[in-house]
Amino acid sequence: MPTSLQLDFVLIPAGSFIMGSDLASYRQAGADEMPQHTLTVSDFQIMRCPVTNEQYRLFIEATGHRAPQTWRNGAYGEDKAGHPVTGVAYHDAGLLPLGARGDGAAGPSAERARVGKGHAGD
C-alpha cells in the first residue's frame, strides 16, 4: 500500500487555441458554443493520469476531508485502488494538493491544501 500520493505531472506550455464553433462551418452549433474566438492560456501542469481511489484515500487520511459519495461507508471496493476516483464533488476536486493553477503558484506539493482548478481566469 503506497504511503505517498506519487503524483506525475506534465507541463502544458502557454499558447492560444480557437474555442467555440462557427455557425457557417457547423450548423448544429449551440448558442453556448458561439462566438468562436481565440483564447490564450498560461503554462499549467496537469496530471498524466487521473487521481486514483488510493491516492484520494491518502489525501483523506492527511487532511481529514470527506470521502467521495460513491464510496460505501467511507471506503472504495478492495479491487478498485488503482481505478480513477469518482463521485468527487466539483468543489472538492480542487482540494487535492495539485499546485496546477497555471498562474505561477507552486508546483505539486503535498503541503498545498487548496489550489485552483486550473481553468483560464482562476
N, C-alpha and C. Protein backbone atom coordinates (compact mmCIF):
# COMPACT_ATOMS: atom_id res chain seq x y z
N MET A 1 0.85 -1.18 0.00
CA MET A 1 0.00 0.00 0.00
C MET A 1 0.89 1.24 0.00
N PRO A 2 0.76 2.14 -1.01
CA PRO A 2 1.60 3.33 -1.08
C PRO A 2 1.38 4.25 0.12
N THR A 3 2.42 5.00 0.47
CA THR A 3 2.31 5.94 1.59
C THR A 3 2.44 7.38 1.12
N SER A 4 2.61 7.60 -0.19
CA SER A 4 2.65 8.96 -0.71
C SER A 4 1.77 9.04 -1.94
N LEU A 5 1.38 10.25 -2.29
CA LEU A 5 0.45 10.43 -3.41
C LEU A 5 1.06 10.06 -4.76
N GLN A 6 2.38 10.19 -4.92
CA GLN A 6 3.07 9.84 -6.17
C GLN A 6 2.37 10.44 -7.38
N LEU A 7 2.26 11.77 -7.39
CA LEU A 7 1.58 12.46 -8.48
C LEU A 7 2.57 12.74 -9.60
N ASP A 8 2.18 12.42 -10.82
CA ASP A 8 3.02 12.61 -12.00
C ASP A 8 2.40 13.69 -12.88
N PHE A 9 3.09 14.83 -12.99
CA PHE A 9 2.57 15.97 -13.74
C PHE A 9 3.29 16.17 -15.07
N VAL A 10 2.57 16.77 -16.01
CA VAL A 10 3.10 17.13 -17.31
C VAL A 10 2.89 18.63 -17.48
N LEU A 11 3.92 19.34 -17.94
CA LEU A 11 3.80 20.77 -18.19
C LEU A 11 3.15 20.99 -19.55
N ILE A 12 2.10 21.77 -19.56
CA ILE A 12 1.45 22.19 -20.79
C ILE A 12 1.89 23.63 -21.03
N PRO A 13 2.62 23.90 -22.12
CA PRO A 13 3.13 25.25 -22.34
C PRO A 13 2.02 26.24 -22.70
N ALA A 14 2.29 27.50 -22.44
CA ALA A 14 1.35 28.57 -22.79
C ALA A 14 1.08 28.53 -24.29
N GLY A 15 -0.08 28.97 -24.65
CA GLY A 15 -0.41 29.02 -26.06
C GLY A 15 -1.82 29.52 -26.29
N SER A 16 -2.18 29.59 -27.54
CA SER A 16 -3.51 30.05 -27.94
C SER A 16 -4.21 28.94 -28.71
N PHE A 17 -5.53 28.94 -28.62
CA PHE A 17 -6.32 27.99 -29.39
C PHE A 17 -7.66 28.63 -29.72
N ILE A 18 -8.32 28.07 -30.71
CA ILE A 18 -9.63 28.57 -31.10
C ILE A 18 -10.67 27.80 -30.30
N MET A 19 -11.53 28.55 -29.63
CA MET A 19 -12.57 27.95 -28.79
C MET A 19 -13.93 28.32 -29.37
N GLY A 20 -14.83 27.38 -29.40
CA GLY A 20 -16.17 27.65 -29.88
C GLY A 20 -16.38 27.17 -31.30
N SER A 21 -17.57 27.45 -31.79
CA SER A 21 -17.95 26.99 -33.13
C SER A 21 -18.32 28.16 -34.02
N ASP A 22 -18.19 27.92 -35.30
CA ASP A 22 -18.58 28.88 -36.31
C ASP A 22 -19.83 28.31 -36.99
N LEU A 23 -20.95 29.01 -36.88
CA LEU A 23 -22.22 28.51 -37.39
C LEU A 23 -22.16 28.24 -38.89
N ALA A 24 -21.34 29.00 -39.62
CA ALA A 24 -21.22 28.78 -41.07
C ALA A 24 -20.58 27.43 -41.37
N SER A 25 -19.68 26.96 -40.49
CA SER A 25 -18.99 25.69 -40.69
C SER A 25 -19.70 24.52 -40.03
N TYR A 26 -20.43 24.82 -38.96
CA TYR A 26 -21.05 23.75 -38.18
C TYR A 26 -22.46 24.19 -37.81
N ARG A 27 -23.41 23.82 -38.61
CA ARG A 27 -24.79 24.29 -38.45
C ARG A 27 -25.47 23.79 -37.18
N GLN A 28 -24.95 22.73 -36.58
CA GLN A 28 -25.55 22.20 -35.36
C GLN A 28 -24.99 22.84 -34.09
N ALA A 29 -24.16 23.86 -34.26
CA ALA A 29 -23.56 24.53 -33.10
C ALA A 29 -24.64 25.12 -32.21
N GLY A 30 -24.49 24.93 -30.91
CA GLY A 30 -25.42 25.50 -29.95
C GLY A 30 -25.06 26.94 -29.62
N ALA A 31 -26.00 27.67 -29.08
CA ALA A 31 -25.78 29.07 -28.73
C ALA A 31 -24.63 29.22 -27.72
N ASP A 32 -24.44 28.22 -26.84
CA ASP A 32 -23.37 28.30 -25.85
C ASP A 32 -21.99 28.00 -26.43
N GLU A 33 -21.92 27.66 -27.72
CA GLU A 33 -20.64 27.38 -28.39
C GLU A 33 -20.14 28.58 -29.18
N MET A 34 -20.90 29.65 -29.22
CA MET A 34 -20.55 30.80 -30.04
C MET A 34 -20.40 32.04 -29.17
N PRO A 35 -19.66 33.02 -29.59
CA PRO A 35 -18.96 33.06 -30.88
C PRO A 35 -17.63 32.32 -30.79
N GLN A 36 -17.15 31.89 -31.92
CA GLN A 36 -15.82 31.30 -31.98
C GLN A 36 -14.81 32.41 -31.70
N HIS A 37 -13.82 32.12 -30.87
CA HIS A 37 -12.83 33.14 -30.51
C HIS A 37 -11.52 32.48 -30.13
N THR A 38 -10.45 33.26 -30.13
CA THR A 38 -9.13 32.76 -29.74
C THR A 38 -8.94 33.00 -28.25
N LEU A 39 -8.50 31.98 -27.55
CA LEU A 39 -8.24 32.06 -26.12
C LEU A 39 -6.77 31.75 -25.89
N THR A 40 -6.12 32.56 -25.07
CA THR A 40 -4.72 32.35 -24.73
C THR A 40 -4.64 31.93 -23.27
N VAL A 41 -3.90 30.86 -23.00
CA VAL A 41 -3.74 30.37 -21.63
C VAL A 41 -2.26 30.37 -21.25
N SER A 42 -2.01 30.52 -19.98
CA SER A 42 -0.65 30.47 -19.42
C SER A 42 -0.21 29.02 -19.30
N ASP A 43 1.09 28.80 -19.06
CA ASP A 43 1.59 27.47 -18.74
C ASP A 43 0.75 26.89 -17.59
N PHE A 44 0.54 25.60 -17.62
CA PHE A 44 -0.07 24.95 -16.47
C PHE A 44 0.38 23.50 -16.43
N GLN A 45 0.17 22.87 -15.29
CA GLN A 45 0.51 21.47 -15.14
C GLN A 45 -0.78 20.67 -14.98
N ILE A 46 -0.75 19.46 -15.51
CA ILE A 46 -1.89 18.56 -15.40
C ILE A 46 -1.35 17.17 -15.09
N MET A 47 -2.10 16.41 -14.35
CA MET A 47 -1.64 15.06 -14.05
C MET A 47 -1.67 14.20 -15.30
N ARG A 48 -0.66 13.35 -15.43
CA ARG A 48 -0.55 12.45 -16.57
C ARG A 48 -1.71 11.44 -16.57
N CYS A 49 -2.13 11.02 -15.38
CA CYS A 49 -3.23 10.05 -15.24
C CYS A 49 -4.22 10.59 -14.21
N PRO A 50 -5.47 10.15 -14.27
CA PRO A 50 -6.45 10.60 -13.27
C PRO A 50 -6.05 10.18 -11.85
N VAL A 51 -6.54 10.91 -10.86
CA VAL A 51 -6.32 10.58 -9.45
C VAL A 51 -7.02 9.25 -9.17
N THR A 52 -6.30 8.34 -8.53
CA THR A 52 -6.87 7.03 -8.20
C THR A 52 -7.57 7.05 -6.84
N ASN A 53 -8.37 6.03 -6.60
CA ASN A 53 -9.01 5.88 -5.29
C ASN A 53 -7.97 5.85 -4.18
N GLU A 54 -6.87 5.13 -4.40
CA GLU A 54 -5.83 5.03 -3.37
C GLU A 54 -5.18 6.38 -3.10
N GLN A 55 -4.89 7.15 -4.14
CA GLN A 55 -4.33 8.48 -3.94
C GLN A 55 -5.30 9.38 -3.17
N TYR A 56 -6.58 9.29 -3.50
CA TYR A 56 -7.56 10.11 -2.80
C TYR A 56 -7.70 9.66 -1.36
N ARG A 57 -7.58 8.35 -1.09
CA ARG A 57 -7.63 7.86 0.29
C ARG A 57 -6.48 8.45 1.10
N LEU A 58 -5.28 8.51 0.52
CA LEU A 58 -4.14 9.10 1.21
C LEU A 58 -4.38 10.57 1.50
N PHE A 59 -4.98 11.28 0.55
CA PHE A 59 -5.34 12.68 0.75
C PHE A 59 -6.32 12.83 1.91
N ILE A 60 -7.33 11.95 1.96
CA ILE A 60 -8.32 11.99 3.04
C ILE A 60 -7.64 11.75 4.39
N GLU A 61 -6.75 10.77 4.45
CA GLU A 61 -6.04 10.48 5.71
C GLU A 61 -5.21 11.67 6.16
N ALA A 62 -4.57 12.37 5.22
CA ALA A 62 -3.71 13.50 5.57
C ALA A 62 -4.50 14.74 5.97
N THR A 63 -5.71 14.89 5.45
CA THR A 63 -6.45 16.14 5.66
C THR A 63 -7.72 15.99 6.48
N GLY A 64 -8.23 14.76 6.63
CA GLY A 64 -9.49 14.57 7.31
C GLY A 64 -10.69 14.94 6.46
N HIS A 65 -10.47 15.15 5.17
CA HIS A 65 -11.56 15.52 4.27
C HIS A 65 -12.52 14.36 4.10
N ARG A 66 -13.71 14.64 3.63
CA ARG A 66 -14.73 13.60 3.46
C ARG A 66 -14.43 12.71 2.25
N ALA A 67 -14.95 11.49 2.33
CA ALA A 67 -14.79 10.53 1.23
C ALA A 67 -15.78 10.87 0.12
N PRO A 68 -15.47 10.46 -1.12
CA PRO A 68 -16.41 10.68 -2.23
C PRO A 68 -17.73 9.97 -1.96
N GLN A 69 -18.78 10.51 -2.53
CA GLN A 69 -20.11 9.96 -2.30
C GLN A 69 -20.30 8.56 -2.88
N THR A 70 -19.43 8.14 -3.80
CA THR A 70 -19.55 6.81 -4.39
C THR A 70 -18.92 5.71 -3.54
N TRP A 71 -18.16 6.09 -2.51
CA TRP A 71 -17.55 5.09 -1.63
C TRP A 71 -18.58 4.66 -0.60
N ARG A 72 -18.62 3.37 -0.30
CA ARG A 72 -19.55 2.86 0.72
C ARG A 72 -18.87 2.86 2.08
N ASN A 73 -19.54 3.47 3.05
CA ASN A 73 -19.00 3.56 4.41
C ASN A 73 -17.60 4.16 4.43
N GLY A 74 -17.36 5.12 3.54
CA GLY A 74 -16.08 5.83 3.52
C GLY A 74 -14.94 5.06 2.88
N ALA A 75 -15.24 3.98 2.15
CA ALA A 75 -14.17 3.18 1.54
C ALA A 75 -14.57 2.75 0.13
N TYR A 76 -13.57 2.59 -0.73
CA TYR A 76 -13.80 2.08 -2.07
C TYR A 76 -13.69 0.56 -2.05
N GLY A 77 -14.16 -0.11 -3.09
CA GLY A 77 -14.08 -1.56 -3.18
C GLY A 77 -12.63 -2.04 -3.17
N GLU A 78 -12.37 -3.19 -2.57
CA GLU A 78 -10.99 -3.66 -2.40
C GLU A 78 -10.24 -3.85 -3.70
N ASP A 79 -10.94 -4.08 -4.80
CA ASP A 79 -10.27 -4.25 -6.09
C ASP A 79 -10.25 -2.96 -6.91
N LYS A 80 -10.55 -1.82 -6.28
CA LYS A 80 -10.67 -0.55 -7.00
C LYS A 80 -9.59 0.47 -6.64
N ALA A 81 -8.53 0.06 -5.95
CA ALA A 81 -7.49 1.01 -5.51
C ALA A 81 -6.87 1.79 -6.67
N GLY A 82 -6.59 1.12 -7.77
CA GLY A 82 -5.95 1.77 -8.91
C GLY A 82 -6.90 2.40 -9.90
N HIS A 83 -8.19 2.33 -9.63
CA HIS A 83 -9.19 2.91 -10.53
C HIS A 83 -9.30 4.41 -10.27
N PRO A 84 -9.68 5.19 -11.29
CA PRO A 84 -9.89 6.64 -11.07
C PRO A 84 -10.97 6.87 -10.03
N VAL A 85 -10.73 7.83 -9.15
CA VAL A 85 -11.73 8.18 -8.14
C VAL A 85 -12.92 8.83 -8.84
N THR A 86 -14.12 8.51 -8.39
CA THR A 86 -15.34 9.10 -8.93
C THR A 86 -16.19 9.60 -7.77
N GLY A 87 -17.19 10.40 -8.09
CA GLY A 87 -18.10 10.88 -7.06
C GLY A 87 -17.55 12.02 -6.24
N VAL A 88 -16.48 12.66 -6.73
CA VAL A 88 -15.91 13.82 -6.03
C VAL A 88 -16.69 15.05 -6.47
N ALA A 89 -17.21 15.80 -5.51
CA ALA A 89 -17.98 17.00 -5.82
C ALA A 89 -17.09 18.02 -6.51
N TYR A 90 -17.68 18.87 -7.35
CA TYR A 90 -16.94 19.88 -8.10
C TYR A 90 -16.05 20.70 -7.17
N HIS A 91 -16.60 21.17 -6.06
CA HIS A 91 -15.83 21.99 -5.11
C HIS A 91 -14.64 21.20 -4.55
N ASP A 92 -14.84 19.93 -4.28
CA ASP A 92 -13.79 19.11 -3.69
C ASP A 92 -12.67 18.78 -4.68
N ALA A 93 -12.95 18.83 -5.97
CA ALA A 93 -11.95 18.47 -6.98
C ALA A 93 -10.72 19.35 -6.91
N GLY A 94 -10.84 20.57 -6.44
CA GLY A 94 -9.69 21.47 -6.32
C GLY A 94 -8.95 21.35 -5.01
N LEU A 95 -9.34 20.45 -4.14
CA LEU A 95 -8.71 20.34 -2.83
C LEU A 95 -7.46 19.48 -2.81
N LEU A 96 -7.37 18.50 -3.68
CA LEU A 96 -6.18 17.65 -3.72
C LEU A 96 -4.98 18.54 -4.01
N PRO A 97 -3.87 18.35 -3.33
CA PRO A 97 -2.72 19.26 -3.48
C PRO A 97 -2.01 19.12 -4.82
N LEU A 98 -2.60 19.69 -5.83
CA LEU A 98 -2.04 19.57 -7.17
C LEU A 98 -1.08 20.69 -7.52
N GLY A 99 -1.34 21.90 -7.07
CA GLY A 99 -0.46 23.02 -7.40
C GLY A 99 -0.43 23.32 -8.88
N ALA A 100 -1.52 23.10 -9.59
CA ALA A 100 -1.54 23.24 -11.04
C ALA A 100 -2.45 24.37 -11.47
N ARG A 101 -2.23 25.53 -10.94
CA ARG A 101 -3.13 26.65 -11.21
C ARG A 101 -2.82 27.36 -12.51
N GLY A 102 -1.60 27.30 -13.00
CA GLY A 102 -1.28 27.99 -14.23
C GLY A 102 -1.05 29.47 -14.03
N ASP A 103 -0.89 29.90 -12.77
CA ASP A 103 -0.70 31.33 -12.53
C ASP A 103 0.57 31.59 -11.73
N GLY A 104 1.52 30.69 -11.81
CA GLY A 104 2.78 30.87 -11.09
C GLY A 104 2.76 30.28 -9.69
N ALA A 105 1.67 29.65 -9.29
CA ALA A 105 1.61 29.02 -7.97
C ALA A 105 2.60 27.87 -7.91
N ALA A 106 2.90 27.44 -6.71
CA ALA A 106 3.86 26.36 -6.53
C ALA A 106 3.43 25.12 -7.27
N GLY A 107 4.39 24.31 -7.66
CA GLY A 107 4.11 23.06 -8.35
C GLY A 107 3.57 22.02 -7.40
N PRO A 108 3.53 20.77 -7.81
CA PRO A 108 2.96 19.71 -6.98
C PRO A 108 3.62 19.67 -5.60
N SER A 109 2.81 19.65 -4.58
CA SER A 109 3.32 19.65 -3.22
C SER A 109 2.29 19.06 -2.28
N ALA A 110 2.70 18.14 -1.47
CA ALA A 110 1.78 17.53 -0.50
C ALA A 110 1.38 18.53 0.57
N GLU A 111 2.09 19.67 0.66
CA GLU A 111 1.78 20.65 1.68
C GLU A 111 0.69 21.62 1.23
N ARG A 112 0.35 21.66 -0.04
CA ARG A 112 -0.68 22.57 -0.52
C ARG A 112 -2.04 21.95 -0.25
N ALA A 113 -2.85 22.60 0.54
CA ALA A 113 -4.15 22.04 0.88
C ALA A 113 -5.26 22.55 -0.02
N ARG A 114 -5.04 23.64 -0.71
CA ARG A 114 -6.11 24.20 -1.54
C ARG A 114 -5.48 24.86 -2.76
N VAL A 115 -5.95 24.53 -3.94
CA VAL A 115 -5.47 25.15 -5.17
C VAL A 115 -6.64 25.43 -6.07
N GLY A 116 -6.40 26.24 -7.10
CA GLY A 116 -7.43 26.49 -8.10
C GLY A 116 -7.63 25.27 -8.96
N LYS A 117 -8.57 25.34 -9.83
CA LYS A 117 -8.92 24.20 -10.67
C LYS A 117 -8.16 24.19 -11.98
N GLY A 118 -7.31 25.21 -12.24
CA GLY A 118 -6.53 25.24 -13.46
C GLY A 118 -7.29 25.78 -14.66
N HIS A 119 -8.47 26.33 -14.43
CA HIS A 119 -9.24 26.90 -15.54
C HIS A 119 -8.68 28.27 -15.88
N ALA A 120 -8.78 28.67 -17.13
CA ALA A 120 -8.38 30.01 -17.53
C ALA A 120 -9.17 31.01 -16.70
N GLY A 121 -8.48 31.98 -16.17
CA GLY A 121 -9.15 33.02 -15.41
C GLY A 121 -9.16 32.76 -13.92
N ASP A 122 -8.78 31.56 -13.45
CA ASP A 122 -8.73 31.31 -12.00
C ASP A 122 -7.60 32.11 -11.38
